[in-house]
Amino acid sequence: MALARQTIERLQLGLALTRLRTQAKKSQGEAGAVIGRTPGRISQVENGKGGLGVDELTKLLDFYGAHGRERETILALGAAARRRAPRRGYVDNLPEPFQRLAELQAAATRVRWYECGVIPGLVQSKDYVRALMALSNSIYWSDSESETAERTAFRLDHQRRVFETGAAKRIEIVFTEDSLDNVIGDGSVMRGQVLHLLQLLESYPALDIGVVPAGTPDNPALGGGLVVLDFAHSTPVGFATSLHGPAPYYDQPEDVEPMRRIFARVKELALSRADTRALLIGRIKEGT
């Protein structure tokens, strides 16, 4: 039987089902037996290369003990994964989209992330994350200290999962120099953020951080942000970061290739890893 064309929805569904199965401590064989499928079929679904019917997915979620909003979200993902109509972009309007973005990044073999004016999430320090979430409270979500704390904890766990779990991956981070000048929290938070970047460069040789110097002409990505993810056995995925609300994903070559070219261009404009390190050390010496 021919495999279904891989889409972002199928990839997200597969990663979510893998996580639930792992949490439930079940094997692919056990999962397959519940719905009358082979372990190979479960593997295809978890790799985003196969779909499941409504009854099959419902039985699996019962077997994994999935309830509440997460269950509803995965059922909705299953419906989206079964659609065959061609589409250019996919906007994740389901609850907790940041959970699925984190799973995609953790599964990727290569992560390319660019931001203008803000430090990319993967390399934010703990205090920077806390300050960023605190200023977002009552603006991007209703006033809730518990939600602020949960989002902070999730981002820090997201970083750990991407850097420390799964197969080794190549991570390339580029951001504009004004990201170091736009104060989040206070001066001590920003100084700690610079130290955090230096510590990451020392700890992860496969991590490449580049800063686009202030005043660099002809930056094609001013005012925007993007993430491009490569996978060992899946089509690349592009993700356009947004100020607020759902952000679109892309998996068609006509969309992902321009995003790759944009990243390649800002990478050319950025300082090398060694020169970025020197810039960051200079900032510390200057008291930034």
C-alpha atoms as a PDB file:
ATOM      1  CA  MET A   1       0.000   0.000   0.000  1.00  0.00           C
ATOM      2  CA  ALA A   2       1.343   3.414  -0.945  1.00  0.00           C
ATOM      3  CA  LEU A   3       2.228   5.686   1.927  1.00  0.00           C
ATOM      4  CA  ALA A   4       0.235   8.862   2.411  1.00  0.00           C
ATOM      5  CA  ARG A   5       2.001  12.049   1.365  1.00  0.00           C
ATOM      6  CA  GLN A   6       3.715  13.502   4.366  1.00  0.00           C
ATOM      7  CA  THR A   7       2.262  16.789   5.579  1.00  0.00           C
ATOM      8  CA  ILE A   8       2.868  18.981   8.603  1.00  0.00           C
ATOM      9  CA  GLU A   9      -0.409  17.801  10.106  1.00  0.00           C
ATOM     10  CA  ARG A  10       0.618  14.127   9.763  1.00  0.00           C
ATOM     11  CA  LEU A  11       4.063  14.862  11.161  1.00  0.00           C
ATOM     12  CA  GLN A  12       2.556  16.692  14.156  1.00  0.00           C
ATOM     13  CA  LEU A  13       0.065  13.869  14.718  1.00  0.00           C
ATOM     14  CA  GLY A  14       2.822  11.258  14.573  1.00  0.00           C
ATOM     15  CA  LEU A  15       5.000  13.102  17.088  1.00  0.00           C
ATOM     16  CA  ALA A  16       2.062  13.581  19.461  1.00  0.00           C
ATOM     17  CA  LEU A  17       1.144   9.880  19.273  1.00  0.00           C
ATOM     18  CA  THR A  18       4.772   8.895  19.856  1.00  0.00           C
ATOM     19  CA  ARG A  19       4.878  11.068  22.966  1.00  0.00           C
ATOM     20  CA  LEU A  20       1.610   9.625  24.314  1.00  0.00           C
ATOM     21  CA  ARG A  21       2.697   6.035  23.637  1.00  0.00           C
ATOM     22  CA  THR A  22       6.051   6.636  25.350  1.00  0.00           C
ATOM     23  CA  GLN A  23       4.361   8.245  28.355  1.00  0.00           C
ATOM     24  CA  ALA A  24       1.972   5.276  28.577  1.00  0.00           C
ATOM     25  CA  LYS A  25       4.967   2.882  28.371  1.00  0.00           C
ATOM     26  CA  LYS A  26       3.458   0.937  25.490  1.00  0.00           C
ATOM     27  CA  SER A  27       5.255  -0.643  22.547  1.00  0.00           C
ATOM     28  CA  GLN A  28       4.390  -0.171  18.894  1.00  0.00           C
ATOM     29  CA  GLY A  29       3.355  -3.837  18.845  1.00  0.00           C
ATOM     30  CA  GLU A  30       0.932  -3.327  21.715  1.00  0.00           C
ATOM     31  CA  ALA A  31      -0.500  -0.220  20.072  1.00  0.00           C
ATOM     32  CA  GLY A  32      -0.918  -2.030  16.764  1.00  0.00           C
ATOM     33  CA  ALA A  33      -2.703  -4.945  18.411  1.00  0.00           C
ATOM     34  CA  VAL A  34      -5.323  -2.602  19.882  1.00  0.00           C
ATOM     35  CA  ILE A  35      -6.417  -1.427  16.428  1.00  0.00           C
ATOM     36  CA  GLY A  36      -5.600  -4.555  14.439  1.00  0.00           C
ATOM     37  CA  ARG A  37      -2.547  -3.066  12.737  1.00  0.00           C
ATOM     38  CA  THR A  38       1.078  -4.165  12.482  1.00  0.00           C
ATOM     39  CA  PRO A  39       3.881  -2.477  14.440  1.00  0.00           C
ATOM     40  CA  GLY A  40       5.159  -1.295  11.047  1.00  0.00           C
ATOM     41  CA  ARG A  41       1.934   0.580  10.438  1.00  0.00           C
ATOM     42  CA  ILE A  42       2.182   2.295  13.823  1.00  0.00           C
ATOM     43  CA  SER A  43       5.754   3.261  12.927  1.00  0.00           C
ATOM     44  CA  GLN A  44       4.547   4.775   9.637  1.00  0.00           C
ATOM     45  CA  VAL A  45       1.937   6.849  11.446  1.00  0.00           C
ATOM     46  CA  GLU A  46       4.422   8.016  14.085  1.00  0.00           C
ATOM     47  CA  ASN A  47       6.822   9.053  11.317  1.00  0.00           C
ATOM     48  CA  GLY A  48       4.112  11.122   9.628  1.00  0.00           C
ATOM     49  CA  LYS A  49       3.828   8.758   6.670  1.00  0.00           C
ATOM     50  CA  GLY A  50       0.455   7.178   7.348  1.00  0.00           C
ATOM     51  CA  GLY A  51      -2.973   8.052   8.657  1.00  0.00           C
ATOM     52  CA  LEU A  52      -5.545   6.529  10.967  1.00  0.00           C
ATOM     53  CA  GLY A  53      -9.307   6.373  10.782  1.00  0.00           C
ATOM     54  CA  VAL A  54     -11.454   8.028  13.442  1.00  0.00           C
ATOM     55  CA  ASP A  55     -12.206   4.742  15.230  1.00  0.00           C
ATOM     56  CA  GLU A  56      -8.564   3.654  15.151  1.00  0.00           C
ATOM     57  CA  LEU A  57      -7.350   6.955  16.559  1.00  0.00           C
ATOM     58  CA  THR A  58     -10.046   6.944  19.234  1.00  0.00           C
ATOM     59  CA  LYS A  59      -9.065   3.424  20.361  1.00  0.00           C
ATOM     60  CA  LEU A  60      -5.385   4.421  20.517  1.00  0.00           C
ATOM     61  CA  LEU A  61      -6.169   7.482  22.623  1.00  0.00           C
ATOM     62  CA  ASP A  62      -8.222   5.293  24.980  1.00  0.00           C
ATOM     63  CA  PHE A  63      -5.291   2.858  25.183  1.00  0.00           C
ATOM     64  CA  TYR A  64      -2.854   5.691  25.948  1.00  0.00           C
ATOM     65  CA  GLY A  65      -5.170   7.257  28.523  1.00  0.00           C
ATOM     66  CA  ALA A  66      -5.449  10.592  26.709  1.00  0.00           C
ATOM     67  CA  HIS A  67      -8.258  12.782  28.005  1.00  0.00           C
ATOM     68  CA  GLY A  68      -9.559  16.331  27.995  1.00  0.00           C
ATOM     69  CA  ARG A  69      -8.256  19.076  25.760  1.00  0.00           C
ATOM     70  CA  GLU A  70      -5.234  17.092  24.609  1.00  0.00           C
ATOM     71  CA  ARG A  71      -7.485  14.288  23.376  1.00  0.00           C
ATOM     72  CA  GLU A  72      -9.714  16.757  21.512  1.00  0.00           C
ATOM     73  CA  THR A  73      -6.672  18.411  19.965  1.00  0.00           C
ATOM     74  CA  ILE A  74      -5.224  15.113  18.709  1.00  0.00           C
ATOM     75  CA  LEU A  75      -8.585  14.078  17.251  1.00  0.00           C
ATOM     76  CA  ALA A  76      -8.676  17.410  15.418  1.00  0.00           C
ATOM     77  CA  LEU A  77      -5.116  16.829  14.208  1.00  0.00           C
ATOM     78  CA  GLY A  78      -6.210  13.416  12.971  1.00  0.00           C
ATOM     79  CA  ALA A  79      -9.025  15.004  10.966  1.00  0.00           C
ATOM     80  CA  ALA A  80      -6.592  17.526   9.465  1.00  0.00           C
ATOM     81  CA  ALA A  81      -4.131  14.730   8.652  1.00  0.00           C
ATOM     82  CA  ARG A  82      -6.794  12.843   6.700  1.00  0.00           C
ATOM     83  CA  ARG A  83      -7.513  15.745   4.361  1.00  0.00           C
ATOM     84  CA  ARG A  84      -6.265  15.216   0.839  1.00  0.00           C
ATOM     85  CA  ALA A  85      -6.967  18.652  -0.599  1.00  0.00           C
ATOM     86  CA  PRO A  86      -3.710  20.392  -1.611  1.00  0.00           C
ATOM     87  CA  ARG A  87      -2.783  23.510   0.336  1.00  0.00           C
ATOM     88  CA  ARG A  88       0.175  25.877   0.492  1.00  0.00           C
ATOM     89  CA  GLY A  89       0.323  26.809   4.159  1.00  0.00           C
ATOM     90  CA  TYR A  90      -1.030  25.320   7.364  1.00  0.00           C
ATOM     91  CA  VAL A  91      -2.036  27.522  10.304  1.00  0.00           C
ATOM     92  CA  ASP A  92      -2.081  25.661  13.616  1.00  0.00           C
ATOM     93  CA  ASN A  93      -5.237  27.017  15.278  1.00  0.00           C
ATOM     94  CA  LEU A  94      -5.501  24.157  17.773  1.00  0.00           C
ATOM     95  CA  PRO A  95      -4.789  24.616  21.507  1.00  0.00           C
ATOM     96  CA  GLU A  96      -1.158  24.816  22.660  1.00  0.00           C
ATOM     97  CA  PRO A  97       0.515  25.165  19.238  1.00  0.00           C
ATOM     98  CA  PHE A  98       3.843  25.846  20.986  1.00  0.00           C
ATOM     99  CA  GLN A  99       3.785  22.210  22.198  1.00  0.00           C
ATOM    100  CA  ARG A 100       3.762  20.949  18.614  1.00  0.00           C
ATOM    101  CA  LEU A 101       6.431  23.416  17.481  1.00  0.00           C
ATOM    102  CA  ALA A 102       8.651  22.161  20.316  1.00  0.00           C
ATOM    103  CA  GLU A 103       8.080  18.548  19.243  1.00  0.00           C
ATOM    104  CA  LEU A 104       8.966  19.391  15.650  1.00  0.00           C
ATOM    105  CA  GLN A 105      12.196  21.102  16.734  1.00  0.00           C
ATOM    106  CA  ALA A 106      13.146  18.227  19.027  1.00  0.00           C
ATOM    107  CA  ALA A 107      12.658  15.767  16.159  1.00  0.00           C
ATOM    108  CA  ALA A 108      14.575  17.822  13.587  1.00  0.00           C
ATOM    109  CA  THR A 109      18.145  17.040  12.558  1.00  0.00           C
ATOM    110  CA  ARG A 110      18.828  20.662  11.662  1.00  0.00           C
ATOM    111  CA  VAL A 111      17.290  23.833  13.085  1.00  0.00           C
ATOM    112  CA  ARG A 112      17.773  27.244  11.474  1.00  0.00           C
ATOM    113  CA  TRP A 113      16.241  30.142  13.454  1.00  0.00           C
ATOM    114  CA  TYR A 114      16.393  33.864  12.683  1.00  0.00           C
ATOM    115  CA  GLU A 115      14.876  36.748  14.634  1.00  0.00           C
ATOM    116  CA  CYS A 116      15.012  40.516  14.293  1.00  0.00           C
ATOM    117  CA  GLY A 117      15.042  42.540  17.510  1.00  0.00           C
ATOM    118  CA  VAL A 118      14.634  39.674  19.975  1.00  0.00           C
ATOM    119  CA  ILE A 119      16.788  36.735  21.101  1.00  0.00           C
ATOM    120  CA  PRO A 120      15.469  33.493  19.527  1.00  0.00           C
ATOM    121  CA  GLY A 121      13.628  31.268  21.987  1.00  0.00           C
ATOM    122  CA  LEU A 122      16.062  28.355  21.873  1.00  0.00           C
ATOM    123  CA  VAL A 123      18.918  30.438  23.268  1.00  0.00           C
ATOM    124  CA  GLN A 124      17.095  32.662  25.741  1.00  0.00           C
ATOM    125  CA  SER A 125      18.417  32.600  29.299  1.00  0.00           C
ATOM    126  CA  LYS A 126      16.151  31.598  32.192  1.00  0.00           C
ATOM    127  CA  ASP A 127      15.846  35.191  33.441  1.00  0.00           C
ATOM    128  CA  TYR A 128      15.229  36.496  29.896  1.00  0.00           C
ATOM    129  CA  VAL A 129      12.432  33.951  29.448  1.00  0.00           C
ATOM    130  CA  ARG A 130      10.888  34.899  32.793  1.00  0.00           C
ATOM    131  CA  ALA A 131      11.020  38.610  31.979  1.00  0.00           C
ATOM    132  CA  LEU A 132       9.618  38.063  28.494  1.00  0.00           C
ATOM    133  CA  MET A 133       6.717  36.003  29.822  1.00  0.00           C
ATOM    134  CA  ALA A 134       6.071  38.484  32.626  1.00  0.00           C
ATOM    135  CA  LEU A 135       5.704  41.402  30.226  1.00  0.00           C
ATOM    136  CA  SER A 136       3.402  39.283  28.058  1.00  0.00           C
ATOM    137  CA  ASN A 137       1.086  38.602  30.992  1.00  0.00           C
ATOM    138  CA  SER A 138      -2.273  40.413  30.613  1.00  0.00           C
ATOM    139  CA  ILE A 139      -1.281  41.380  27.048  1.00  0.00           C
ATOM    140  CA  TYR A 140      -1.044  38.130  25.095  1.00  0.00           C
ATOM    141  CA  TRP A 141      -3.198  36.189  27.585  1.00  0.00           C
ATOM    142  CA  SER A 142      -5.524  37.076  30.445  1.00  0.00           C
ATOM    143  CA  ASP A 143      -3.828  38.206  33.636  1.00  0.00           C
ATOM    144  CA  SER A 144      -2.606  34.928  35.131  1.00  0.00           C
ATOM    145  CA  GLU A 145       0.571  34.391  37.092  1.00  0.00           C
ATOM    146  CA  SER A 146       0.101  30.628  36.888  1.00  0.00           C
ATOM    147  CA  GLU A 147      -0.053  30.723  33.078  1.00  0.00           C
ATOM    148  CA  THR A 148       3.034  32.930  33.023  1.00  0.00           C
ATOM    149  CA  ALA A 149       4.881  30.397  35.193  1.00  0.00           C
ATOM    150  CA  GLU A 150       3.668  27.476  33.052  1.00  0.00           C
ATOM    151  CA  ARG A 151       4.777  29.137  29.812  1.00  0.00           C
ATOM    152  CA  THR A 152       8.170  29.942  31.332  1.00  0.00           C
ATOM    153  CA  ALA A 153       8.642  26.348  32.483  1.00  0.00           C
ATOM    154  CA  PHE A 154       7.542  25.025  29.105  1.00  0.00           C
ATOM    155  CA  ARG A 155      10.042  27.148  27.175  1.00  0.00           C
ATOM    156  CA  LEU A 156      12.907  26.082  29.416  1.00  0.00           C
ATOM    157  CA  ASP A 157      11.888  22.436  29.025  1.00  0.00           C
ATOM    158  CA  HIS A 158      11.588  23.009  25.259  1.00  0.00           C
ATOM    159  CA  GLN A 159      15.208  24.193  25.161  1.00  0.00           C
ATOM    160  CA  ARG A 160      16.360  21.146  27.125  1.00  0.00           C
ATOM    161  CA  ARG A 161      14.502  18.763  24.811  1.00  0.00           C
ATOM    162  CA  VAL A 162      15.980  20.302  21.671  1.00  0.00           C
ATOM    163  CA  PHE A 163      19.559  20.467  22.944  1.00  0.00           C
ATOM    164  CA  GLU A 164      19.776  17.321  25.038  1.00  0.00           C
ATOM    165  CA  THR A 165      17.374  14.686  23.702  1.00  0.00           C
ATOM    166  CA  GLY A 166      17.151  12.726  20.473  1.00  0.00           C
ATOM    167  CA  ALA A 167      19.785  12.408  17.775  1.00  0.00           C
ATOM    168  CA  ALA A 168      22.542  14.988  17.449  1.00  0.00           C
ATOM    169  CA  LYS A 169      21.360  17.979  15.497  1.00  0.00           C
ATOM    170  CA  ARG A 170      22.849  21.025  13.852  1.00  0.00           C
ATOM    171  CA  ILE A 171      21.479  24.277  15.283  1.00  0.00           C
ATOM    172  CA  GLU A 172      22.074  27.619  13.581  1.00  0.00           C
ATOM    173  CA  ILE A 173      20.880  30.798  15.275  1.00  0.00           C
ATOM    174  CA  VAL A 174      21.017  34.268  13.727  1.00  0.00           C
ATOM    175  CA  PHE A 175      19.666  37.486  15.206  1.00  0.00           C
ATOM    176  CA  THR A 176      20.174  41.214  14.699  1.00  0.00           C
ATOM    177  CA  GLU A 177      22.450  43.116  17.065  1.00  0.00           C
ATOM    178  CA  ASP A 178      19.613  45.315  18.330  1.00  0.00           C
ATOM    179  CA  SER A 179      18.290  42.169  20.049  1.00  0.00           C
ATOM    180  CA  LEU A 180      21.072  42.777  22.583  1.00  0.00           C
ATOM    181  CA  ASP A 181      20.025  46.416  23.031  1.00  0.00           C
ATOM    182  CA  ASN A 182      16.261  45.972  23.352  1.00  0.00           C
ATOM    183  CA  VAL A 183      16.006  45.580  27.123  1.00  0.00           C
ATOM    184  CA  ILE A 184      13.872  42.742  28.424  1.00  0.00           C
ATOM    185  CA  GLY A 185      13.586  42.943  32.202  1.00  0.00           C
ATOM    186  CA  ASP A 186      16.555  45.110  33.142  1.00  0.00           C
ATOM    187  CA  GLY A 187      20.280  45.508  32.577  1.00  0.00           C
ATOM    188  CA  SER A 188      21.186  42.522  34.734  1.00  0.00           C
ATOM    189  CA  VAL A 189      18.862  40.281  32.719  1.00  0.00           C
ATOM    190  CA  MET A 190      20.490  41.422  29.487  1.00  0.00           C
ATOM    191  CA  ARG A 191      23.986  40.897  30.880  1.00  0.00           C
ATOM    192  CA  GLY A 192      22.954  37.418  31.980  1.00  0.00           C
ATOM    193  CA  GLN A 193      21.581  36.772  28.496  1.00  0.00           C
ATOM    194  CA  VAL A 194      24.934  37.608  26.916  1.00  0.00           C
ATOM    195  CA  LEU A 195      26.715  35.316  29.384  1.00  0.00           C
ATOM    196  CA  HIS A 196      24.196  32.584  28.580  1.00  0.00           C
ATOM    197  CA  LEU A 197      24.980  32.839  24.861  1.00  0.00           C
ATOM    198  CA  LEU A 198      28.688  32.513  25.610  1.00  0.00           C
ATOM    199  CA  GLN A 199      28.063  29.488  27.823  1.00  0.00           C
ATOM    200  CA  LEU A 200      25.991  27.827  25.097  1.00  0.00           C
ATOM    201  CA  LEU A 201      28.780  28.349  22.564  1.00  0.00           C
ATOM    202  CA  GLU A 202      31.206  26.675  24.949  1.00  0.00           C
ATOM    203  CA  SER A 203      28.873  23.791  25.797  1.00  0.00           C
ATOM    204  CA  TYR A 204      27.575  22.893  22.323  1.00  0.00           C
ATOM    205  CA  PRO A 205      30.182  22.773  19.542  1.00  0.00           C
ATOM    206  CA  ALA A 206      27.426  22.005  16.991  1.00  0.00           C
ATOM    207  CA  LEU A 207      25.650  25.248  17.892  1.00  0.00           C
ATOM    208  CA  ASP A 208      26.359  28.169  15.561  1.00  0.00           C
ATOM    209  CA  ILE A 209      25.286  31.639  16.695  1.00  0.00           C
ATOM    210  CA  GLY A 210      25.687  34.640  14.411  1.00  0.00           C
ATOM    211  CA  VAL A 211      24.851  38.293  15.028  1.00  0.00           C
ATOM    212  CA  VAL A 212      23.960  40.633  12.167  1.00  0.00           C
ATOM    213  CA  PRO A 213      25.773  43.876  13.132  1.00  0.00           C
ATOM    214  CA  ALA A 214      23.794  47.077  13.579  1.00  0.00           C
ATOM    215  CA  GLY A 215      23.686  49.125  10.405  1.00  0.00           C
ATOM    216  CA  THR A 216      24.253  46.168   8.083  1.00  0.00           C
ATOM    217  CA  PRO A 217      22.685  47.117   4.738  1.00  0.00           C
ATOM    218  CA  ASP A 218      20.342  45.033   2.611  1.00  0.00           C
ATOM    219  CA  ASN A 219      19.018  42.648   5.236  1.00  0.00           C
ATOM    220  CA  PRO A 220      16.112  40.893   3.426  1.00  0.00           C
ATOM    221  CA  ALA A 221      14.504  39.820   6.714  1.00  0.00           C
ATOM    222  CA  LEU A 222      14.198  43.054   8.675  1.00  0.00           C
ATOM    223  CA  GLY A 223      11.170  43.012  10.936  1.00  0.00           C
ATOM    224  CA  GLY A 224      10.538  39.298  10.529  1.00  0.00           C
ATOM    225  CA  GLY A 225      11.461  35.933  11.940  1.00  0.00           C
ATOM    226  CA  LEU A 226      11.562  32.400  10.616  1.00  0.00           C
ATOM    227  CA  VAL A 227      12.460  28.825  11.508  1.00  0.00           C
ATOM    228  CA  VAL A 228      13.450  26.144   8.998  1.00  0.00           C
ATOM    229  CA  LEU A 229      13.529  22.520  10.163  1.00  0.00           C
ATOM    230  CA  ASP A 230      15.134  19.566   8.362  1.00  0.00           C
ATOM    231  CA  PHE A 231      14.335  15.949   9.227  1.00  0.00           C
ATOM    232  CA  ALA A 232      16.125  12.690   8.543  1.00  0.00           C
ATOM    233  CA  HIS A 233      13.179  11.041   6.803  1.00  0.00           C
ATOM    234  CA  SER A 234      10.685  13.852   6.313  1.00  0.00           C
ATOM    235  CA  THR A 235      10.199  16.854   4.107  1.00  0.00           C
ATOM    236  CA  PRO A 236      11.579  20.173   5.453  1.00  0.00           C
ATOM    237  CA  VAL A 237       9.209  22.467   7.308  1.00  0.00           C
ATOM    238  CA  GLY A 238       9.262  26.254   7.459  1.00  0.00           C
ATOM    239  CA  PHE A 239       7.665  28.254  10.268  1.00  0.00           C
ATOM    240  CA  ALA A 240       7.051  32.013  10.172  1.00  0.00           C
ATOM    241  CA  THR A 241       7.205  33.539  13.651  1.00  0.00           C
ATOM    242  CA  SER A 242       4.544  36.116  14.461  1.00  0.00           C
ATOM    243  CA  LEU A 243       3.935  38.830  17.032  1.00  0.00           C
ATOM    244  CA  HIS A 244       0.642  37.355  18.146  1.00  0.00           C
ATOM    245  CA  GLY A 245      -1.719  34.558  17.207  1.00  0.00           C
ATOM    246  CA  PRO A 246      -1.232  31.381  15.195  1.00  0.00           C
ATOM    247  CA  ALA A 247       1.790  31.291  12.922  1.00  0.00           C
ATOM    248  CA  PRO A 248       1.775  29.538   9.544  1.00  0.00           C
ATOM    249  CA  TYR A 249       3.763  26.419   8.686  1.00  0.00           C
ATOM    250  CA  TYR A 250       4.941  25.551   5.188  1.00  0.00           C
ATOM    251  CA  ASP A 251       6.045  22.240   3.707  1.00  0.00           C
ATOM    252  CA  GLN A 252       5.824  22.898  -0.032  1.00  0.00           C
ATOM    253  CA  PRO A 253       9.135  23.522  -1.873  1.00  0.00           C
ATOM    254  CA  GLU A 254       7.856  26.761  -3.402  1.00  0.00           C
ATOM    255  CA  ASP A 255       7.471  28.131   0.131  1.00  0.00           C
ATOM    256  CA  VAL A 256      10.305  26.471   2.055  1.00  0.00           C
ATOM    257  CA  GLU A 257      13.032  27.173  -0.507  1.00  0.00           C
ATOM    258  CA  PRO A 258      12.659  30.998  -0.304  1.00  0.00           C
ATOM    259  CA  MET A 259      12.814  30.715   3.485  1.00  0.00           C
ATOM    260  CA  ARG A 260      16.023  28.717   3.159  1.00  0.00           C
ATOM    261  CA  ARG A 261      17.468  31.362   0.847  1.00  0.00           C
ATOM    262  CA  ILE A 262      16.490  34.133   3.250  1.00  0.00           C
ATOM    263  CA  PHE A 263      18.237  32.350   6.097  1.00  0.00           C
ATOM    264  CA  ALA A 264      21.303  31.711   3.950  1.00  0.00           C
ATOM    265  CA  ARG A 265      21.466  35.437   3.154  1.00  0.00           C
ATOM    266  CA  VAL A 266      21.175  36.614   6.784  1.00  0.00           C
ATOM    267  CA  LYS A 267      23.762  33.991   7.713  1.00  0.00           C
ATOM    268  CA  GLU A 268      26.109  35.593   5.166  1.00  0.00           C
ATOM    269  CA  LEU A 269      25.447  39.012   6.693  1.00  0.00           C
ATOM    270  CA  ALA A 270      26.041  37.767  10.250  1.00  0.00           C
ATOM    271  CA  LEU A 271      29.366  37.640  12.027  1.00  0.00           C
ATOM    272  CA  SER A 272      31.062  34.255  12.146  1.00  0.00           C
ATOM    273  CA  ARG A 273      30.783  32.108  15.247  1.00  0.00           C
ATOM    274  CA  ALA A 274      34.210  33.265  16.426  1.00  0.00           C
ATOM    275  CA  ASP A 275      33.505  36.939  15.711  1.00  0.00           C
ATOM    276  CA  THR A 276      30.112  36.685  17.392  1.00  0.00           C
ATOM    277  CA  ARG A 277      31.818  35.265  20.465  1.00  0.00           C
ATOM    278  CA  ALA A 278      34.268  38.177  20.418  1.00  0.00           C
ATOM    279  CA  LEU A 279      31.385  40.662  20.131  1.00  0.00           C
ATOM    280  CA  LEU A 280      29.618  39.084  23.098  1.00  0.00           C
ATOM    281  CA  ILE A 281      32.799  39.149  25.210  1.00  0.00           C
ATOM    282  CA  GLY A 282      33.223  42.803  24.256  1.00  0.00           C
ATOM    283  CA  ARG A 283      29.693  43.510  25.436  1.00  0.00           C
ATOM    284  CA  ILE A 284      30.461  41.962  28.823  1.00  0.00           C
ATOM    285  CA  LYS A 285      33.631  44.012  29.168  1.00  0.00           C
ATOM    286  CA  GLU A 286      31.693  47.155  28.301  1.00  0.00           C
ATOM    287  CA  GLY A 287      29.173  46.338  31.012  1.00  0.00           C
ATOM    288  CA  THR A 288      26.224  45.533  28.726  1.00  0.00           C
END
